[in-house]
């Protein structure tokens, strides 16, 4: 991974065989990012995405291998109990144009991943909601 910071924006290149979730964490911790939006595109060959069942309050994971283009990767960086927290979703398309998406658990880059992280001046923490079953924004 390599990146450059331009004011409140980081332009990040995640390289072949690197794992996206790990690299987002690495750059966010190095830059001490407390709140940001994330967007990216690129290509992956091994990824796991989850879908949250709101009735069961449980994630179901789907794993994919092969040639996929990242159609959209979007999310947030925030904190939970003052510590780093990321919430990313990804959609990826196969050679036939089928697109699969959900909460991003992991993704291995097959060619490149071009990412933009926009740092937001502020802080939003997270708090687990028993009612919803998720870690929701908690405004400080």
N, C-alpha and C. Protein backbone atom coordinates (compact mmCIF):
# COMPACT_ATOMS: atom_id res chain seq x y z
N UNK A 1 0.85 -1.18 0.00
CA UNK A 1 0.00 0.00 0.00
C UNK A 1 0.89 1.23 0.00
N UNK A 2 0.39 2.22 -0.71
CA UNK A 2 1.05 3.51 -0.70
C UNK A 2 -0.05 4.57 -0.71
N UNK A 3 0.21 5.70 -0.07
CA UNK A 3 -0.80 6.77 -0.06
C UNK A 3 -0.14 8.13 0.09
N UNK A 4 -0.92 9.14 -0.26
CA UNK A 4 -0.51 10.52 -0.05
C UNK A 4 -1.70 11.28 0.54
N UNK A 5 -1.37 12.24 1.39
CA UNK A 5 -2.41 13.08 2.00
C UNK A 5 -2.38 14.45 1.34
N UNK A 6 -3.57 14.92 0.96
CA UNK A 6 -3.75 16.24 0.38
C UNK A 6 -4.83 16.95 1.21
N UNK A 7 -4.40 17.75 2.17
CA UNK A 7 -5.35 18.41 3.07
C UNK A 7 -6.11 17.38 3.89
N UNK A 8 -7.43 17.36 3.75
CA UNK A 8 -8.25 16.42 4.52
C UNK A 8 -8.53 15.12 3.74
N UNK A 9 -7.86 14.92 2.60
CA UNK A 9 -8.13 13.76 1.75
C UNK A 9 -6.88 12.92 1.57
N UNK A 10 -7.06 11.60 1.71
CA UNK A 10 -5.98 10.66 1.46
C UNK A 10 -6.31 9.88 0.19
N UNK A 11 -5.35 9.80 -0.71
CA UNK A 11 -5.46 8.98 -1.92
C UNK A 11 -4.60 7.75 -1.65
N UNK A 12 -5.25 6.58 -1.68
CA UNK A 12 -4.60 5.34 -1.26
C UNK A 12 -4.58 4.34 -2.42
N UNK A 13 -3.43 3.71 -2.63
CA UNK A 13 -3.33 2.61 -3.58
C UNK A 13 -3.03 1.35 -2.78
N UNK A 14 -3.97 0.42 -2.81
CA UNK A 14 -3.76 -0.88 -2.16
C UNK A 14 -3.35 -1.85 -3.26
N UNK A 15 -2.27 -2.56 -3.04
CA UNK A 15 -1.65 -3.36 -4.08
C UNK A 15 -2.08 -4.82 -4.10
N UNK A 16 -1.75 -5.48 -5.19
CA UNK A 16 -2.05 -6.89 -5.41
C UNK A 16 -1.65 -7.72 -4.18
N UNK A 17 -2.52 -8.64 -3.81
CA UNK A 17 -2.34 -9.58 -2.69
C UNK A 17 -2.49 -8.94 -1.31
N UNK A 18 -2.78 -7.65 -1.24
CA UNK A 18 -3.01 -7.01 0.06
C UNK A 18 -4.50 -7.10 0.39
N UNK A 19 -4.79 -7.15 1.69
CA UNK A 19 -6.17 -7.28 2.16
C UNK A 19 -6.70 -5.88 2.47
N UNK A 20 -7.84 -5.53 1.92
CA UNK A 20 -8.37 -4.17 1.98
C UNK A 20 -8.69 -3.72 3.41
N UNK A 21 -9.41 -4.52 4.17
CA UNK A 21 -9.82 -4.13 5.53
C UNK A 21 -8.59 -3.86 6.40
N UNK A 22 -7.58 -4.70 6.28
CA UNK A 22 -6.34 -4.51 7.05
C UNK A 22 -5.64 -3.21 6.66
N UNK A 23 -5.62 -2.91 5.36
CA UNK A 23 -4.92 -1.71 4.90
C UNK A 23 -5.65 -0.43 5.30
N UNK A 24 -6.98 -0.46 5.30
CA UNK A 24 -7.74 0.71 5.77
C UNK A 24 -7.40 0.97 7.23
N UNK A 25 -7.38 -0.09 8.02
CA UNK A 25 -7.02 0.06 9.44
C UNK A 25 -5.61 0.63 9.59
N UNK A 26 -4.67 0.11 8.82
CA UNK A 26 -3.28 0.54 8.92
C UNK A 26 -3.13 2.04 8.63
N UNK A 27 -3.73 2.51 7.54
CA UNK A 27 -3.60 3.92 7.20
C UNK A 27 -4.36 4.80 8.20
N UNK A 28 -5.52 4.36 8.65
CA UNK A 28 -6.30 5.15 9.61
C UNK A 28 -5.56 5.28 10.94
N UNK A 29 -4.95 4.20 11.38
CA UNK A 29 -4.21 4.27 12.65
C UNK A 29 -2.95 5.12 12.50
N UNK A 30 -2.26 4.96 11.37
CA UNK A 30 -1.04 5.74 11.16
C UNK A 30 -1.35 7.23 11.09
N UNK A 31 -2.46 7.58 10.45
CA UNK A 31 -2.84 8.99 10.29
C UNK A 31 -3.71 9.50 11.45
N UNK A 32 -3.99 8.63 12.42
CA UNK A 32 -4.80 9.00 13.59
C UNK A 32 -6.18 9.54 13.17
N UNK A 33 -6.81 8.85 12.23
CA UNK A 33 -8.12 9.27 11.72
C UNK A 33 -9.19 8.81 12.71
N UNK A 34 -10.02 9.75 13.15
CA UNK A 34 -11.11 9.46 14.09
C UNK A 34 -12.48 9.42 13.40
N UNK A 35 -12.59 10.11 12.26
CA UNK A 35 -13.85 10.14 11.52
C UNK A 35 -13.55 10.42 10.06
N UNK A 36 -14.10 9.59 9.17
CA UNK A 36 -13.85 9.76 7.73
C UNK A 36 -14.87 8.98 6.92
N UNK A 37 -15.00 9.38 5.66
CA UNK A 37 -15.76 8.59 4.70
C UNK A 37 -14.76 7.90 3.77
N UNK A 38 -15.16 6.74 3.26
CA UNK A 38 -14.28 5.92 2.43
C UNK A 38 -15.01 5.56 1.15
N UNK A 39 -14.30 5.63 0.02
CA UNK A 39 -14.85 5.12 -1.24
C UNK A 39 -13.69 4.54 -2.04
N UNK A 40 -14.01 3.51 -2.86
CA UNK A 40 -12.94 2.86 -3.62
C UNK A 40 -13.51 2.09 -4.80
N UNK A 41 -12.58 1.72 -5.69
CA UNK A 41 -12.86 0.82 -6.79
C UNK A 41 -11.59 0.02 -7.05
N UNK A 42 -11.69 -1.00 -7.90
CA UNK A 42 -10.53 -1.82 -8.18
C UNK A 42 -10.93 -3.22 -8.56
N UNK A 43 -10.08 -4.18 -8.23
CA UNK A 43 -10.34 -5.57 -8.57
C UNK A 43 -9.89 -6.47 -7.43
N UNK A 44 -10.70 -7.51 -7.17
CA UNK A 44 -10.41 -8.48 -6.12
C UNK A 44 -10.61 -9.90 -6.66
N UNK A 45 -9.96 -10.86 -5.99
CA UNK A 45 -10.13 -12.25 -6.42
C UNK A 45 -10.54 -13.19 -5.29
N UNK A 46 -10.71 -12.66 -4.11
CA UNK A 46 -11.11 -13.46 -2.95
C UNK A 46 -11.71 -12.50 -1.94
N UNK A 47 -13.02 -12.62 -1.69
CA UNK A 47 -13.64 -11.69 -0.74
C UNK A 47 -14.81 -12.34 -0.02
N UNK A 48 -15.05 -11.82 1.17
CA UNK A 48 -16.17 -12.26 1.99
C UNK A 48 -16.99 -11.04 2.37
N UNK A 49 -18.29 -11.13 2.09
CA UNK A 49 -19.22 -10.07 2.44
C UNK A 49 -20.35 -10.67 3.25
N UNK A 50 -20.92 -9.87 4.12
CA UNK A 50 -22.00 -10.36 4.97
C UNK A 50 -23.29 -9.61 4.75
N UNK A 51 -24.37 -10.29 5.02
CA UNK A 51 -25.69 -9.67 5.00
C UNK A 51 -26.30 -9.85 6.38
N UNK A 52 -26.80 -8.74 6.95
CA UNK A 52 -27.34 -8.76 8.30
C UNK A 52 -28.82 -9.09 8.27
N UNK A 53 -29.20 -10.14 8.99
CA UNK A 53 -30.61 -10.51 9.14
C UNK A 53 -31.16 -9.72 10.32
N UNK A 54 -32.05 -8.78 10.05
CA UNK A 54 -32.54 -7.87 11.09
C UNK A 54 -33.46 -8.57 12.09
N UNK A 55 -34.04 -9.70 11.71
CA UNK A 55 -34.90 -10.45 12.62
C UNK A 55 -34.03 -11.26 13.59
N UNK A 56 -33.07 -11.99 13.04
CA UNK A 56 -32.18 -12.82 13.87
C UNK A 56 -31.07 -12.01 14.54
N UNK A 57 -30.84 -10.78 14.03
CA UNK A 57 -29.74 -9.93 14.51
C UNK A 57 -28.41 -10.67 14.36
N UNK A 58 -28.19 -11.17 13.15
CA UNK A 58 -27.02 -11.99 12.88
C UNK A 58 -26.56 -11.77 11.44
N UNK A 59 -25.22 -11.77 11.24
CA UNK A 59 -24.65 -11.67 9.90
C UNK A 59 -24.51 -13.05 9.29
N UNK A 60 -24.78 -13.13 7.99
CA UNK A 60 -24.53 -14.33 7.22
C UNK A 60 -23.48 -13.98 6.17
N UNK A 61 -22.40 -14.74 6.15
CA UNK A 61 -21.27 -14.45 5.26
C UNK A 61 -21.39 -15.21 3.95
N UNK A 62 -20.99 -14.54 2.88
CA UNK A 62 -20.89 -15.13 1.55
C UNK A 62 -19.45 -14.95 1.07
N UNK A 63 -18.83 -16.04 0.63
CA UNK A 63 -17.44 -16.00 0.19
C UNK A 63 -17.37 -16.22 -1.31
N UNK A 64 -16.52 -15.43 -1.99
CA UNK A 64 -16.39 -15.50 -3.45
C UNK A 64 -14.91 -15.57 -3.84
N UNK A 65 -14.63 -16.37 -4.85
CA UNK A 65 -13.29 -16.44 -5.44
C UNK A 65 -13.42 -16.35 -6.94
N UNK A 66 -12.46 -15.69 -7.58
CA UNK A 66 -12.47 -15.54 -9.02
C UNK A 66 -12.16 -14.10 -9.40
N UNK A 67 -12.43 -13.76 -10.65
CA UNK A 67 -12.15 -12.41 -11.15
C UNK A 67 -13.37 -11.52 -10.91
N UNK A 68 -13.19 -10.50 -10.09
CA UNK A 68 -14.28 -9.57 -9.75
C UNK A 68 -13.77 -8.13 -9.81
N UNK A 69 -14.61 -7.26 -10.34
CA UNK A 69 -14.35 -5.82 -10.32
C UNK A 69 -15.13 -5.22 -9.15
N UNK A 70 -14.48 -4.36 -8.38
CA UNK A 70 -15.20 -3.63 -7.34
C UNK A 70 -16.06 -2.59 -8.03
N UNK A 71 -17.36 -2.77 -7.94
CA UNK A 71 -18.32 -1.83 -8.51
C UNK A 71 -18.44 -0.62 -7.58
N UNK A 72 -18.42 -0.89 -6.29
CA UNK A 72 -18.53 0.16 -5.29
C UNK A 72 -17.98 -0.35 -3.97
N UNK A 73 -17.20 0.47 -3.32
CA UNK A 73 -16.77 0.21 -1.95
C UNK A 73 -16.96 1.53 -1.23
N UNK A 74 -17.77 1.50 -0.20
CA UNK A 74 -18.08 2.73 0.52
C UNK A 74 -18.20 2.44 2.01
N UNK A 75 -17.99 3.47 2.82
CA UNK A 75 -18.13 3.25 4.24
C UNK A 75 -17.64 4.40 5.07
N UNK A 76 -17.46 4.09 6.35
CA UNK A 76 -17.03 5.11 7.31
C UNK A 76 -15.93 4.56 8.20
N UNK A 77 -15.15 5.48 8.70
CA UNK A 77 -14.20 5.23 9.78
C UNK A 77 -14.70 6.07 10.94
N UNK A 78 -14.79 5.46 12.09
CA UNK A 78 -15.19 6.19 13.29
C UNK A 78 -14.48 5.52 14.47
N UNK A 79 -15.07 5.64 15.66
CA UNK A 79 -14.51 4.98 16.83
C UNK A 79 -15.62 4.24 17.58
N UNK A 80 -15.21 3.28 18.39
CA UNK A 80 -16.12 2.63 19.33
C UNK A 80 -15.36 2.50 20.63
N UNK A 81 -15.91 3.06 21.68
CA UNK A 81 -15.21 3.14 22.96
C UNK A 81 -13.85 3.82 22.79
N UNK A 82 -13.81 4.80 21.89
CA UNK A 82 -12.59 5.57 21.67
C UNK A 82 -11.56 4.89 20.80
N UNK A 83 -11.82 3.66 20.34
CA UNK A 83 -10.87 2.91 19.52
C UNK A 83 -11.32 2.88 18.07
N UNK A 84 -10.37 2.64 17.17
CA UNK A 84 -10.64 2.56 15.73
C UNK A 84 -11.81 1.64 15.43
N UNK A 85 -12.67 2.06 14.48
CA UNK A 85 -13.81 1.26 14.04
C UNK A 85 -14.06 1.59 12.57
N UNK A 86 -14.23 0.57 11.75
CA UNK A 86 -14.57 0.81 10.35
C UNK A 86 -15.83 0.04 9.98
N UNK A 87 -16.62 0.64 9.11
CA UNK A 87 -17.84 0.01 8.62
C UNK A 87 -17.83 0.18 7.11
N UNK A 88 -17.53 -0.90 6.39
CA UNK A 88 -17.38 -0.85 4.95
C UNK A 88 -18.36 -1.81 4.27
N UNK A 89 -18.88 -1.39 3.14
CA UNK A 89 -19.70 -2.25 2.29
C UNK A 89 -19.05 -2.29 0.91
N UNK A 90 -19.18 -3.44 0.24
CA UNK A 90 -18.60 -3.58 -1.09
C UNK A 90 -19.54 -4.34 -2.00
N UNK A 91 -19.60 -3.90 -3.26
CA UNK A 91 -20.29 -4.63 -4.32
C UNK A 91 -19.23 -4.96 -5.36
N UNK A 92 -19.26 -6.20 -5.85
CA UNK A 92 -18.28 -6.62 -6.86
C UNK A 92 -18.98 -7.43 -7.94
N UNK A 93 -18.57 -7.20 -9.20
CA UNK A 93 -19.18 -7.86 -10.34
C UNK A 93 -18.27 -8.88 -10.96
N UNK A 94 -18.88 -9.97 -11.44
CA UNK A 94 -18.11 -11.03 -12.10
C UNK A 94 -18.09 -10.82 -13.62
N UNK A 95 -17.51 -11.77 -14.34
CA UNK A 95 -17.35 -11.67 -15.80
C UNK A 95 -18.68 -11.62 -16.55
N UNK A 96 -19.75 -12.13 -15.93
CA UNK A 96 -21.06 -12.15 -16.57
C UNK A 96 -21.91 -10.93 -16.20
N UNK A 97 -21.36 -10.07 -15.37
CA UNK A 97 -22.10 -8.89 -14.97
C UNK A 97 -22.95 -9.07 -13.72
N UNK A 98 -22.85 -10.23 -13.09
CA UNK A 98 -23.55 -10.46 -11.83
C UNK A 98 -22.84 -9.68 -10.73
N UNK A 99 -23.60 -9.01 -9.90
CA UNK A 99 -23.01 -8.21 -8.83
C UNK A 99 -23.47 -8.75 -7.48
N UNK A 100 -22.52 -8.86 -6.56
CA UNK A 100 -22.78 -9.35 -5.21
C UNK A 100 -22.29 -8.30 -4.24
N UNK A 101 -23.03 -8.06 -3.17
CA UNK A 101 -22.62 -7.02 -2.25
C UNK A 101 -23.06 -7.26 -0.84
N UNK A 102 -22.47 -6.49 0.06
CA UNK A 102 -22.82 -6.56 1.47
C UNK A 102 -21.74 -5.94 2.33
N UNK A 103 -21.82 -6.21 3.61
CA UNK A 103 -20.85 -5.73 4.59
C UNK A 103 -19.51 -6.40 4.31
N UNK A 104 -18.46 -5.63 4.16
CA UNK A 104 -17.15 -6.17 3.80
C UNK A 104 -16.44 -6.74 5.02
N UNK A 105 -16.20 -8.05 4.96
CA UNK A 105 -15.42 -8.73 6.01
C UNK A 105 -13.95 -8.80 5.63
N UNK A 106 -13.67 -9.13 4.37
CA UNK A 106 -12.30 -9.19 3.89
C UNK A 106 -12.31 -9.22 2.37
N UNK A 107 -11.22 -8.74 1.76
CA UNK A 107 -11.08 -8.76 0.31
C UNK A 107 -9.62 -8.68 -0.06
N UNK A 108 -9.18 -9.60 -0.91
CA UNK A 108 -7.81 -9.62 -1.39
C UNK A 108 -7.77 -8.96 -2.77
N UNK A 109 -6.89 -7.99 -2.94
CA UNK A 109 -6.76 -7.26 -4.19
C UNK A 109 -6.07 -8.14 -5.22
N UNK A 110 -6.63 -8.16 -6.44
CA UNK A 110 -6.03 -8.96 -7.51
C UNK A 110 -5.20 -8.11 -8.47
N UNK A 111 -5.51 -6.84 -8.60
CA UNK A 111 -4.75 -5.94 -9.47
C UNK A 111 -4.38 -4.67 -8.70
N UNK A 112 -5.39 -3.88 -8.37
CA UNK A 112 -5.19 -2.67 -7.57
C UNK A 112 -6.51 -2.29 -6.94
N UNK A 113 -6.43 -1.46 -5.92
CA UNK A 113 -7.61 -0.86 -5.31
C UNK A 113 -7.26 0.62 -5.12
N UNK A 114 -8.05 1.49 -5.76
CA UNK A 114 -7.86 2.93 -5.64
C UNK A 114 -8.89 3.47 -4.66
N UNK A 115 -8.40 4.05 -3.59
CA UNK A 115 -9.28 4.46 -2.49
C UNK A 115 -9.10 5.93 -2.18
N UNK A 116 -10.22 6.56 -1.82
CA UNK A 116 -10.20 7.94 -1.35
C UNK A 116 -10.79 7.94 0.06
N UNK A 117 -10.03 8.48 1.00
CA UNK A 117 -10.49 8.62 2.39
C UNK A 117 -10.57 10.10 2.68
N UNK A 118 -11.78 10.56 3.00
CA UNK A 118 -11.99 11.97 3.32
C UNK A 118 -12.15 12.12 4.82
N UNK A 119 -11.20 12.77 5.44
CA UNK A 119 -11.21 12.96 6.88
C UNK A 119 -12.20 14.06 7.23
N UNK A 120 -13.01 13.80 8.24
CA UNK A 120 -14.02 14.74 8.70
C UNK A 120 -13.57 15.30 10.04
N UNK A 121 -13.64 16.60 10.19
CA UNK A 121 -13.23 17.26 11.43
C UNK A 121 -14.31 17.04 12.48
N UNK A 122 -14.10 16.07 13.34
CA UNK A 122 -15.06 15.75 14.38
C UNK A 122 -14.84 14.34 14.88
N UNK A 123 -15.74 13.90 15.73
CA UNK A 123 -15.64 12.54 16.26
C UNK A 123 -17.05 12.00 16.51
N UNK A 124 -17.27 10.80 16.04
CA UNK A 124 -18.51 10.08 16.28
C UNK A 124 -18.13 8.70 16.78
N UNK A 125 -18.62 8.33 17.94
CA UNK A 125 -18.32 7.02 18.51
C UNK A 125 -19.45 6.06 18.13
N UNK A 126 -19.34 4.84 18.56
CA UNK A 126 -20.38 3.83 18.30
C UNK A 126 -20.79 3.20 19.62
N UNK A 127 -22.04 2.74 19.64
CA UNK A 127 -22.59 2.08 20.81
C UNK A 127 -23.48 0.94 20.32
N UNK A 128 -23.31 -0.23 20.93
CA UNK A 128 -24.12 -1.38 20.54
C UNK A 128 -25.57 -1.17 20.94
N UNK A 129 -26.48 -1.40 20.00
CA UNK A 129 -27.92 -1.29 20.24
C UNK A 129 -28.51 -2.69 20.37
N UNK A 130 -29.01 -3.01 21.55
CA UNK A 130 -29.69 -4.29 21.76
C UNK A 130 -30.90 -4.43 20.85
N UNK A 131 -31.63 -3.32 20.67
CA UNK A 131 -32.84 -3.34 19.87
C UNK A 131 -32.56 -3.69 18.41
N UNK A 132 -31.52 -3.08 17.84
CA UNK A 132 -31.19 -3.28 16.43
C UNK A 132 -30.22 -4.45 16.23
N UNK A 133 -29.31 -4.63 17.18
CA UNK A 133 -28.32 -5.69 17.06
C UNK A 133 -27.04 -5.26 16.37
N UNK A 134 -26.84 -3.95 16.24
CA UNK A 134 -25.68 -3.41 15.56
C UNK A 134 -25.03 -2.30 16.38
N UNK A 135 -23.78 -1.97 16.01
CA UNK A 135 -23.07 -0.85 16.61
C UNK A 135 -23.46 0.41 15.86
N UNK A 136 -24.25 1.26 16.49
CA UNK A 136 -24.80 2.45 15.85
C UNK A 136 -23.97 3.69 16.21
N UNK A 137 -24.05 4.72 15.34
CA UNK A 137 -23.41 5.99 15.65
C UNK A 137 -23.93 6.51 16.98
N UNK A 138 -22.99 7.00 17.80
CA UNK A 138 -23.32 7.68 19.05
C UNK A 138 -22.65 9.05 18.98
N UNK A 139 -23.47 10.07 18.88
CA UNK A 139 -22.94 11.41 18.69
C UNK A 139 -22.49 11.97 20.03
N UNK A 140 -21.25 12.43 20.05
CA UNK A 140 -20.62 12.92 21.29
C UNK A 140 -20.95 14.37 21.52
